[in-house]
């Protein structure tokens, strides 16, 4: 299993970004896919989850109403649309899946929100 995150960057408060998590070795429609983030000096934080088989989504309170997680079956990719970004959203963002008894992580993509 390989997960590759992309789409991060430097943006201003209020801007939007869309992160991608491209998967290989696993079909994203068959597993729950999670986004986590880690800010400098802070612990890893759950951000959002999309359940397998279209069973729904879940968000941290800190991003609810601003972030949207979605999935493209054809591209085998999970997205995180991030709107109304705030400086406190600055972090490295990681996606992960649990598949065949193991948790698989990508290497992350940096998101920096600053004016």
C-alpha atoms as a PDB file:
ATOM      1  CA  UNK A   1       0.000   0.000   0.000  1.00  0.00           C
ATOM      2  CA  UNK A   2       1.256   3.448  -0.886  1.00  0.00           C
ATOM      3  CA  UNK A   3      -0.416   6.750  -0.033  1.00  0.00           C
ATOM      4  CA  UNK A   4       0.835  10.007  -1.528  1.00  0.00           C
ATOM      5  CA  UNK A   5      -0.456  13.336  -0.272  1.00  0.00           C
ATOM      6  CA  UNK A   6      -0.255  16.498  -2.342  1.00  0.00           C
ATOM      7  CA  UNK A   7      -1.823  19.926  -2.658  1.00  0.00           C
ATOM      8  CA  UNK A   8      -0.343  21.688   0.328  1.00  0.00           C
ATOM      9  CA  UNK A   9       1.156  25.143   0.198  1.00  0.00           C
ATOM     10  CA  UNK A  10       1.335  28.623   1.657  1.00  0.00           C
ATOM     11  CA  UNK A  11      -1.969  30.510   1.691  1.00  0.00           C
ATOM     12  CA  UNK A  12      -3.516  33.472   3.426  1.00  0.00           C
ATOM     13  CA  UNK A  13      -6.244  33.289   6.072  1.00  0.00           C
ATOM     14  CA  UNK A  14      -9.608  32.801   4.442  1.00  0.00           C
ATOM     15  CA  UNK A  15      -8.177  31.019   1.400  1.00  0.00           C
ATOM     16  CA  UNK A  16      -8.920  27.470   0.275  1.00  0.00           C
ATOM     17  CA  UNK A  17      -6.802  24.442  -0.576  1.00  0.00           C
ATOM     18  CA  UNK A  18      -7.621  20.970  -1.762  1.00  0.00           C
ATOM     19  CA  UNK A  19      -5.410  18.163  -0.566  1.00  0.00           C
ATOM     20  CA  UNK A  20      -5.215  14.836  -2.366  1.00  0.00           C
ATOM     21  CA  UNK A  21      -4.363  11.395  -1.062  1.00  0.00           C
ATOM     22  CA  UNK A  22      -3.615   9.102  -3.996  1.00  0.00           C
ATOM     23  CA  UNK A  23      -3.669   5.430  -3.091  1.00  0.00           C
ATOM     24  CA  UNK A  24      -2.131   2.366  -4.663  1.00  0.00           C
ATOM     25  CA  UNK A  25      -2.309  -1.212  -3.450  1.00  0.00           C
ATOM     26  CA  UNK A  26      -5.721  -0.642  -1.910  1.00  0.00           C
ATOM     27  CA  UNK A  27      -9.063   0.559  -3.258  1.00  0.00           C
ATOM     28  CA  UNK A  28     -10.140   3.640  -1.310  1.00  0.00           C
ATOM     29  CA  UNK A  29     -13.766   2.623  -1.628  1.00  0.00           C
ATOM     30  CA  UNK A  30     -13.135  -0.504   0.451  1.00  0.00           C
ATOM     31  CA  UNK A  31     -11.470   1.102   3.476  1.00  0.00           C
ATOM     32  CA  UNK A  32     -12.008   4.003   5.836  1.00  0.00           C
ATOM     33  CA  UNK A  33      -9.601   6.791   4.920  1.00  0.00           C
ATOM     34  CA  UNK A  34      -8.519   9.336   7.492  1.00  0.00           C
ATOM     35  CA  UNK A  35      -6.837  12.709   7.426  1.00  0.00           C
ATOM     36  CA  UNK A  36      -4.695  13.713  10.380  1.00  0.00           C
ATOM     37  CA  UNK A  37      -2.495  16.739  10.939  1.00  0.00           C
ATOM     38  CA  UNK A  38       0.404  17.671  13.124  1.00  0.00           C
ATOM     39  CA  UNK A  39       1.279  21.244  13.944  1.00  0.00           C
ATOM     40  CA  UNK A  40       4.769  22.196  15.147  1.00  0.00           C
ATOM     41  CA  UNK A  41       5.227  21.153  18.751  1.00  0.00           C
ATOM     42  CA  UNK A  42       1.796  19.545  18.941  1.00  0.00           C
ATOM     43  CA  UNK A  43       0.439  16.025  18.887  1.00  0.00           C
ATOM     44  CA  UNK A  44      -1.089  14.350  15.901  1.00  0.00           C
ATOM     45  CA  UNK A  45      -4.715  15.441  15.528  1.00  0.00           C
ATOM     46  CA  UNK A  46      -7.615  13.720  13.755  1.00  0.00           C
ATOM     47  CA  UNK A  47      -9.144  15.924  11.059  1.00  0.00           C
ATOM     48  CA  UNK A  48     -11.635  13.939   8.978  1.00  0.00           C
ATOM     49  CA  UNK A  49     -12.659  10.453   7.937  1.00  0.00           C
ATOM     50  CA  UNK A  50     -14.568   8.979   5.029  1.00  0.00           C
ATOM     51  CA  UNK A  51     -16.031   5.548   5.636  1.00  0.00           C
ATOM     52  CA  UNK A  52     -15.898   2.690   3.187  1.00  0.00           C
ATOM     53  CA  UNK A  53     -18.718   1.944   0.818  1.00  0.00           C
ATOM     54  CA  UNK A  54     -20.216   5.418   1.047  1.00  0.00           C
ATOM     55  CA  UNK A  55     -21.169   4.946   4.689  1.00  0.00           C
ATOM     56  CA  UNK A  56     -20.547   8.547   5.626  1.00  0.00           C
ATOM     57  CA  UNK A  57     -18.023  11.052   6.900  1.00  0.00           C
ATOM     58  CA  UNK A  58     -16.793  12.366  10.217  1.00  0.00           C
ATOM     59  CA  UNK A  59     -15.005  15.594  11.155  1.00  0.00           C
ATOM     60  CA  UNK A  60     -13.160  17.104  14.061  1.00  0.00           C
ATOM     61  CA  UNK A  61     -15.104  19.937  15.648  1.00  0.00           C
ATOM     62  CA  UNK A  62     -12.300  22.335  14.760  1.00  0.00           C
ATOM     63  CA  UNK A  63     -12.870  21.843  11.011  1.00  0.00           C
ATOM     64  CA  UNK A  64     -16.578  21.014  10.851  1.00  0.00           C
ATOM     65  CA  UNK A  65     -18.339  23.293   8.386  1.00  0.00           C
ATOM     66  CA  UNK A  66     -15.064  24.355   6.740  1.00  0.00           C
ATOM     67  CA  UNK A  67     -13.498  21.111   5.477  1.00  0.00           C
ATOM     68  CA  UNK A  68     -15.047  18.514   3.212  1.00  0.00           C
ATOM     69  CA  UNK A  69     -13.683  15.017   2.657  1.00  0.00           C
ATOM     70  CA  UNK A  70     -14.576  13.192  -0.533  1.00  0.00           C
ATOM     71  CA  UNK A  71     -13.502  10.292  -2.684  1.00  0.00           C
ATOM     72  CA  UNK A  72     -12.969   9.678  -6.394  1.00  0.00           C
ATOM     73  CA  UNK A  73     -13.268   5.964  -7.100  1.00  0.00           C
ATOM     74  CA  UNK A  74     -11.936   6.242 -10.644  1.00  0.00           C
ATOM     75  CA  UNK A  75      -8.793   8.041  -9.508  1.00  0.00           C
ATOM     76  CA  UNK A  76      -8.550   5.993  -6.316  1.00  0.00           C
ATOM     77  CA  UNK A  77      -7.986   9.237  -4.464  1.00  0.00           C
ATOM     78  CA  UNK A  78      -9.405  10.851  -1.348  1.00  0.00           C
ATOM     79  CA  UNK A  79      -9.603  14.636  -1.163  1.00  0.00           C
ATOM     80  CA  UNK A  80      -9.759  17.135   1.651  1.00  0.00           C
ATOM     81  CA  UNK A  81     -11.264  20.441   0.555  1.00  0.00           C
ATOM     82  CA  UNK A  82     -10.237  23.051   3.084  1.00  0.00           C
ATOM     83  CA  UNK A  83     -12.093  26.350   3.078  1.00  0.00           C
ATOM     84  CA  UNK A  84     -11.878  29.444   5.262  1.00  0.00           C
ATOM     85  CA  UNK A  85      -8.396  28.466   6.352  1.00  0.00           C
ATOM     86  CA  UNK A  86      -7.053  29.850   9.613  1.00  0.00           C
ATOM     87  CA  UNK A  87      -3.501  30.200  10.927  1.00  0.00           C
ATOM     88  CA  UNK A  88      -4.265  27.412  13.404  1.00  0.00           C
ATOM     89  CA  UNK A  89      -4.784  25.052  10.460  1.00  0.00           C
ATOM     90  CA  UNK A  90      -1.045  25.257   9.767  1.00  0.00           C
ATOM     91  CA  UNK A  91       0.324  21.722   9.988  1.00  0.00           C
ATOM     92  CA  UNK A  92       1.600  18.762   8.054  1.00  0.00           C
ATOM     93  CA  UNK A  93      -1.419  16.832   6.804  1.00  0.00           C
ATOM     94  CA  UNK A  94      -1.310  13.048   6.517  1.00  0.00           C
ATOM     95  CA  UNK A  95      -3.745  10.483   5.201  1.00  0.00           C
ATOM     96  CA  UNK A  96      -3.962   6.926   6.437  1.00  0.00           C
ATOM     97  CA  UNK A  97      -5.860   3.700   5.941  1.00  0.00           C
ATOM     98  CA  UNK A  98      -6.106   0.496   7.939  1.00  0.00           C
ATOM     99  CA  UNK A  99      -5.763  -2.457   5.574  1.00  0.00           C
ATOM    100  CA  UNK A 100      -4.997  -6.113   6.169  1.00  0.00           C
ATOM    101  CA  UNK A 101      -4.037  -5.596   9.785  1.00  0.00           C
ATOM    102  CA  UNK A 102      -1.767  -2.607   9.280  1.00  0.00           C
ATOM    103  CA  UNK A 103      -2.127   1.151   9.397  1.00  0.00           C
ATOM    104  CA  UNK A 104      -0.554   2.758   6.347  1.00  0.00           C
ATOM    105  CA  UNK A 105       0.482   6.406   6.266  1.00  0.00           C
ATOM    106  CA  UNK A 106       1.586   8.796   3.597  1.00  0.00           C
ATOM    107  CA  UNK A 107       4.533  11.148   4.022  1.00  0.00           C
ATOM    108  CA  UNK A 108       2.378  14.213   4.431  1.00  0.00           C
ATOM    109  CA  UNK A 109       1.947  17.601   2.792  1.00  0.00           C
ATOM    110  CA  UNK A 110       2.674  20.930   4.456  1.00  0.00           C
ATOM    111  CA  UNK A 111      -0.081  23.505   4.798  1.00  0.00           C
ATOM    112  CA  UNK A 112       0.872  26.951   6.024  1.00  0.00           C
ATOM    113  CA  UNK A 113      -1.717  29.640   6.615  1.00  0.00           C
ATOM    114  CA  UNK A 114      -0.194  33.069   7.200  1.00  0.00           C
ATOM    115  CA  UNK A 115      -0.811  36.668   6.192  1.00  0.00           C
END
